[in-house]
Amino acid sequence: MSSLTSVATNLIQQFGYGGVVFGLFINTIGVPIPSELILPLAGLGIHQGSLQALPLVIVAVLAQVAGLAASYV
């Protein structure tokens, strides 16, 4: 597993929704962590039962909006 993948996996496993929010937020403000890496790992969390789909969609959208607002300023 690459180091970026292991960091994203650990982030989501340890912090759950907060890890998804952090990952997507910093992705949106310009740090090169692809959302294509974060969201499938979050989907795996849904499959394993550690995350739920509706709250994940809500926090993912809010993280992206917050990141866009922060990068605009």
Protein backbone atom coordinates (compact mmCIF):
# COMPACT_ATOMS: atom_id res chain seq x y z
CA MET A 1 0.00 0.00 0.00
CA SER A 2 1.35 3.43 -0.84
CA SER A 3 2.03 5.87 1.96
CA LEU A 4 -0.75 8.22 0.86
CA THR A 5 -3.25 5.38 0.83
CA SER A 6 -2.19 4.23 4.29
CA VAL A 7 -2.45 7.78 5.65
CA ALA A 8 -5.96 8.18 4.24
CA THR A 9 -6.99 4.74 5.51
CA ASN A 10 -5.71 5.48 9.01
CA LEU A 11 -7.35 8.91 8.97
CA ILE A 12 -10.78 7.47 8.19
CA GLN A 13 -10.40 4.47 10.52
CA GLN A 14 -9.32 6.59 13.50
CA PHE A 15 -11.52 9.66 13.07
CA GLY A 16 -14.47 8.39 11.01
CA TYR A 17 -16.55 11.23 9.65
CA GLY A 18 -14.01 13.77 10.93
CA GLY A 19 -11.31 12.11 8.88
CA VAL A 20 -13.47 12.33 5.77
CA VAL A 21 -14.19 16.00 6.47
CA PHE A 22 -10.51 16.77 7.00
CA GLY A 23 -9.41 14.88 3.90
CA LEU A 24 -11.98 16.46 1.62
CA PHE A 25 -11.49 19.92 3.09
CA ILE A 26 -7.75 19.96 2.51
CA ASN A 27 -8.28 18.42 -0.92
CA THR A 28 -10.60 21.25 -1.88
CA ILE A 29 -8.30 24.02 -0.65
CA GLY A 30 -5.49 22.70 -2.83
CA VAL A 31 -3.46 20.08 -0.97
CA PRO A 32 -2.87 17.23 -3.43
CA ILE A 33 -4.79 14.47 -1.68
CA PRO A 34 -7.26 13.16 -4.23
CA SER A 35 -10.89 12.80 -3.25
CA GLU A 36 -10.84 9.71 -5.48
CA LEU A 37 -8.79 8.14 -2.69
CA ILE A 38 -10.83 9.37 0.27
CA LEU A 39 -14.36 8.64 -0.91
CA PRO A 40 -13.87 4.97 -1.87
CA LEU A 41 -12.28 4.36 1.52
CA ALA A 42 -15.30 6.02 3.12
CA GLY A 43 -17.50 3.70 1.04
CA LEU A 44 -15.54 0.79 2.44
CA GLY A 45 -16.33 2.12 5.91
CA ILE A 46 -20.02 2.05 5.00
CA HIS A 47 -19.70 -1.52 3.77
CA GLN A 48 -17.92 -2.58 6.97
CA GLY A 49 -20.55 -0.87 9.13
CA SER A 50 -18.34 1.75 10.77
CA LEU A 51 -19.95 4.63 8.83
CA GLN A 52 -23.48 5.30 7.62
CA ALA A 53 -24.34 6.53 4.13
CA LEU A 54 -26.56 9.56 4.80
CA PRO A 55 -24.34 11.24 7.40
CA LEU A 56 -21.33 10.57 5.17
CA VAL A 57 -22.96 12.29 2.19
CA ILE A 58 -23.90 15.26 4.38
CA VAL A 59 -20.43 15.72 5.88
CA ALA A 60 -18.76 15.20 2.49
CA VAL A 61 -20.85 17.92 0.86
CA LEU A 62 -20.30 20.29 3.79
CA ALA A 63 -16.55 19.65 3.73
CA GLN A 64 -16.38 20.42 0.01
CA VAL A 65 -18.43 23.61 0.43
CA ALA A 66 -16.30 24.73 3.37
CA GLY A 67 -13.13 24.03 1.40
CA LEU A 68 -14.41 25.99 -1.57
CA ALA A 69 -15.36 28.91 0.68
CA ALA A 70 -11.95 28.84 2.36
CA SER A 71 -10.08 28.70 -0.93
CA TYR A 72 -12.13 31.56 -2.34
CA VAL A 73 -11.16 33.88 0.48
